[in-house]
Amino acid sequence: MKTMIFHPSSLRKARVLVVGDVMLDRYWFGEVGRISPEAPVPVVKIDRVEERPGGAANVARNAAALGARVSLLSVTGRDEAGACLRRLLKKDRIEARLHVDRSVDTTVKLRVIGRQQQLLRVDFETPPSHEVLASKLRDFAGMLRNADAVILSDYGKGGLAHIAKMIAMARRAGKLVLVDPKGEDYSRYRGATVITPIARNSGRLQGAGAAKSN
């Protein structure tokens, strides 16, 4: 497998289109003073709440922080979490085109933290509908024209069902394509310029590449 070195400084002033699974990271902070009489679990008295863009939305924030001009394409539900995510992205000056799917809930990762450690995480998520995904693919074709690079951020929530088509469209248009992958089947990312697996998967990916080359 060929190794490519991609430096974050190359994103400065680039027009970057981020596509993928957005979510709202919600944190409940509090104090633990006793154990519940109902079950052997701590009781957390919440005194502070924080909300941050997560998933592909966080990728967009990070690219913007590096100096890129970022646009974001994704799907949310028609709910409080989706509205909150829109407000946060607007505050970060990210041009977000978030398709609304009334049949789903916006993905939320809720973390309960007490005594400076995470006690619990609760996930709320529903895959988007085929109709919304098809509409998103049409928007991708239009937004692609104004991008220098595309980042496809896959968190396995169903928002990148058409990722193979997106990669092919972007490469035909001469765009750099970076993929933040999910899972072990990297064949669906074939054609991408760069794939950035997390550390625990990189060795497995290199091993797969070596096996195929032999």
Protein backbone atom coordinates (compact mmCIF):
# COMPACT_ATOMS: atom_id res chain seq x y z
CA MET A 1 0.00 0.00 0.00
CA LYS A 2 1.32 3.42 -0.93
CA THR A 3 1.63 5.88 1.97
CA MET A 4 0.76 9.52 1.38
CA ILE A 5 1.64 12.35 3.73
CA PHE A 6 -1.09 14.95 3.94
CA HIS A 7 -0.25 18.11 5.86
CA PRO A 8 -3.12 20.13 7.41
CA SER A 9 -1.54 23.38 6.18
CA SER A 10 -2.61 22.43 2.64
CA LEU A 11 -6.20 23.21 3.68
CA ARG A 12 -5.49 26.91 4.22
CA LYS A 13 -7.74 29.00 1.99
CA ALA A 14 -8.93 25.85 0.18
CA ARG A 15 -12.62 25.45 -0.62
CA VAL A 16 -13.57 22.26 1.20
CA LEU A 17 -16.85 20.38 0.92
CA VAL A 18 -17.51 18.11 3.92
CA VAL A 19 -20.15 15.41 3.50
CA GLY A 20 -21.15 12.81 6.05
CA ASP A 21 -22.91 11.93 9.26
CA VAL A 22 -23.46 14.95 11.50
CA MET A 23 -24.43 14.63 15.13
CA LEU A 24 -24.83 16.67 18.26
CA ASP A 25 -22.41 15.94 21.09
CA ARG A 26 -24.19 16.76 24.33
CA TYR A 27 -22.49 16.71 27.72
CA TRP A 28 -24.17 16.70 31.12
CA PHE A 29 -21.75 17.58 33.93
CA GLY A 30 -22.61 17.13 37.59
CA GLU A 31 -21.69 15.97 41.05
CA VAL A 32 -22.05 12.45 42.40
CA GLY A 33 -23.04 12.39 46.04
CA ARG A 34 -24.85 9.11 46.55
CA ILE A 35 -25.89 5.76 45.10
CA SER A 36 -29.44 5.32 43.87
CA PRO A 37 -31.74 3.25 46.13
CA GLU A 38 -33.39 1.90 42.95
CA ALA A 39 -30.25 0.28 41.52
CA PRO A 40 -26.50 0.18 42.31
CA VAL A 41 -25.73 3.22 40.13
CA PRO A 42 -24.52 6.73 41.02
CA VAL A 43 -26.97 9.62 41.15
CA VAL A 44 -25.63 12.62 39.21
CA LYS A 45 -26.94 16.07 40.05
CA ILE A 46 -26.53 17.96 36.75
CA ASP A 47 -25.25 21.52 37.07
CA ARG A 48 -23.86 22.23 33.60
CA VAL A 49 -24.73 21.31 30.00
CA GLU A 50 -22.48 21.69 26.94
CA GLU A 51 -23.38 21.11 23.28
CA ARG A 52 -20.90 20.77 20.43
CA PRO A 53 -21.09 19.84 16.75
CA GLY A 54 -20.05 16.21 16.35
CA GLY A 55 -19.23 13.75 13.60
CA ALA A 56 -18.91 15.36 10.17
CA ALA A 57 -19.94 18.69 11.72
CA ASN A 58 -16.85 18.58 13.93
CA VAL A 59 -14.71 17.71 10.90
CA ALA A 60 -16.08 20.84 9.21
CA ARG A 61 -15.25 22.93 12.29
CA ASN A 62 -11.69 21.61 12.35
CA ALA A 63 -11.16 22.31 8.65
CA ALA A 64 -12.48 25.85 9.14
CA ALA A 65 -10.12 26.32 12.10
CA LEU A 66 -7.22 25.46 9.76
CA GLY A 67 -8.24 28.29 7.43
CA ALA A 68 -10.36 26.45 4.86
CA ARG A 69 -13.58 27.86 3.43
CA VAL A 70 -15.94 25.08 4.41
CA SER A 71 -19.36 23.99 3.24
CA LEU A 72 -21.15 21.07 4.87
CA LEU A 73 -23.74 18.72 3.41
CA SER A 74 -25.67 16.31 5.61
CA VAL A 75 -29.05 15.24 7.03
CA THR A 76 -30.78 15.97 10.35
CA GLY A 77 -34.20 15.36 11.81
CA ARG A 78 -36.81 18.06 12.29
CA ASP A 79 -36.21 18.36 16.01
CA GLU A 80 -34.60 20.36 18.80
CA ALA A 81 -31.20 18.68 18.33
CA GLY A 82 -31.16 19.53 14.62
CA ALA A 83 -32.04 23.17 15.34
CA CYS A 84 -29.30 23.32 17.97
CA LEU A 85 -26.77 21.91 15.51
CA ARG A 86 -27.72 24.55 12.94
CA ARG A 87 -27.22 27.34 15.50
CA LEU A 88 -23.81 26.02 16.49
CA LEU A 89 -22.65 25.73 12.86
CA LYS A 90 -23.89 29.23 12.07
CA LYS A 91 -21.95 30.52 15.06
CA ASP A 92 -18.82 28.87 13.64
CA ARG A 93 -19.53 30.48 10.23
CA ILE A 94 -19.84 27.17 8.43
CA GLU A 95 -22.08 27.14 5.37
CA ALA A 96 -24.29 24.16 6.20
CA ARG A 97 -26.84 22.61 3.88
CA LEU A 98 -28.63 20.20 6.19
CA HIS A 99 -31.47 18.28 4.62
CA VAL A 100 -34.37 17.74 7.02
CA ASP A 101 -35.81 14.23 7.26
CA ARG A 102 -39.02 14.29 9.30
CA SER A 103 -38.94 10.52 9.73
CA VAL A 104 -35.71 10.47 11.77
CA ASP A 105 -34.21 11.92 14.91
CA THR A 106 -31.00 13.90 14.67
CA THR A 107 -28.13 11.75 15.92
CA VAL A 108 -27.23 12.73 19.49
CA LYS A 109 -24.42 11.40 21.65
CA LEU A 110 -25.27 12.23 25.26
CA ARG A 111 -22.47 11.81 27.79
CA VAL A 112 -23.05 12.02 31.53
CA ILE A 113 -19.93 13.08 33.43
CA GLY A 114 -19.43 13.11 37.19
CA ARG A 115 -16.27 13.47 39.25
CA GLN A 116 -14.36 14.23 36.03
CA GLN A 117 -15.10 10.88 34.44
CA GLN A 118 -17.66 9.67 31.96
CA LEU A 119 -20.29 7.55 33.67
CA LEU A 120 -22.64 6.87 30.78
CA ARG A 121 -23.21 7.50 27.09
CA VAL A 122 -26.65 7.40 25.51
CA ASP A 123 -27.02 7.36 21.70
CA PHE A 124 -30.07 8.54 19.74
CA GLU A 125 -29.93 7.75 16.02
CA THR A 126 -32.02 6.71 13.01
CA PRO A 127 -30.80 6.14 9.42
CA PRO A 128 -32.09 8.76 6.94
CA SER A 129 -34.69 7.87 4.30
CA HIS A 130 -33.82 6.97 0.69
CA GLU A 131 -35.69 10.02 -0.62
CA VAL A 132 -33.62 12.46 1.44
CA LEU A 133 -30.37 10.68 0.48
CA ALA A 134 -31.24 10.97 -3.21
CA SER A 135 -31.89 14.70 -2.79
CA LYS A 136 -28.60 15.05 -0.95
CA LEU A 137 -26.76 13.38 -3.84
CA ARG A 138 -28.24 15.93 -6.27
CA ASP A 139 -27.04 18.76 -4.02
CA PHE A 140 -23.59 17.17 -3.86
CA ALA A 141 -23.29 17.42 -7.64
CA GLY A 142 -24.04 21.14 -7.50
CA MET A 143 -21.82 21.95 -4.51
CA LEU A 144 -18.93 19.98 -5.98
CA ARG A 145 -18.35 22.65 -8.64
CA ASN A 146 -17.32 25.19 -6.00
CA ALA A 147 -14.97 22.91 -4.05
CA ASP A 148 -11.25 22.24 -4.34
CA ALA A 149 -11.41 19.19 -2.08
CA VAL A 150 -14.02 16.85 -0.65
CA ILE A 151 -13.93 15.25 2.79
CA LEU A 152 -16.27 12.28 3.22
CA SER A 153 -16.74 11.66 6.93
CA ASP A 154 -18.28 8.23 7.50
CA TYR A 155 -19.59 7.41 10.98
CA GLY A 156 -21.73 4.52 9.82
CA LYS A 157 -25.07 6.29 10.44
CA GLY A 158 -26.39 5.88 6.89
CA GLY A 159 -25.70 9.37 5.57
CA LEU A 160 -23.11 8.17 3.05
CA ALA A 161 -25.09 5.41 1.35
CA HIS A 162 -23.97 6.84 -2.02
CA ILE A 163 -20.31 7.26 -1.11
CA ALA A 164 -19.02 5.25 -4.11
CA LYS A 165 -20.94 7.54 -6.48
CA MET A 166 -19.69 10.63 -4.64
CA ILE A 167 -16.07 9.50 -4.91
CA ALA A 168 -16.46 8.77 -8.63
CA MET A 169 -18.15 12.14 -9.28
CA ALA A 170 -15.49 14.06 -7.37
CA ARG A 171 -12.58 12.31 -9.08
CA ARG A 172 -14.10 12.87 -12.52
CA ALA A 173 -14.29 16.56 -11.61
CA GLY A 174 -10.60 16.51 -10.68
CA LYS A 175 -11.17 17.04 -6.95
CA LEU A 176 -9.03 15.80 -4.08
CA VAL A 177 -11.06 13.24 -2.08
CA LEU A 178 -10.26 12.49 1.56
CA VAL A 179 -12.19 9.77 3.38
CA ASP A 180 -12.56 9.38 7.13
CA PRO A 181 -13.61 5.70 7.11
CA LYS A 182 -15.77 3.48 9.29
CA GLY A 183 -15.65 -0.30 9.68
CA GLU A 184 -13.37 -2.80 8.02
CA ASP A 185 -14.65 -2.85 4.42
CA TYR A 186 -12.46 -0.25 2.74
CA SER A 187 -13.40 -1.42 -0.76
CA ARG A 188 -16.35 1.01 -0.73
CA TYR A 189 -13.82 3.87 -0.60
CA ARG A 190 -12.03 2.76 -3.77
CA GLY A 191 -10.90 5.72 -5.84
CA ALA A 192 -10.37 8.12 -2.92
CA THR A 193 -7.16 10.15 -2.93
CA VAL A 194 -6.50 9.66 0.79
CA ILE A 195 -8.05 7.37 3.43
CA THR A 196 -7.40 8.27 7.06
CA PRO A 197 -8.15 5.25 9.28
CA ILE A 198 -7.81 5.58 13.03
CA ALA A 199 -4.68 4.06 14.52
CA ARG A 200 -6.19 0.70 15.54
CA ASN A 201 -7.36 0.07 11.95
CA SER A 202 -4.32 1.31 10.04
CA GLY A 203 -2.26 -1.84 10.57
CA ARG A 204 -5.19 -4.01 9.49
CA LEU A 205 -5.61 -1.90 6.34
CA GLN A 206 -1.90 -2.13 5.47
CA GLY A 207 -2.00 -5.87 6.02
CA ALA A 208 -4.96 -6.17 3.68
CA GLY A 209 -3.12 -4.13 1.06
CA ALA A 210 -0.03 -6.31 1.36
CA ALA A 211 -2.07 -9.48 1.02
CA LYS A 212 -3.76 -8.21 -2.13
CA SER A 213 -0.46 -7.12 -3.70
CA ASN A 214 1.00 -10.56 -3.13
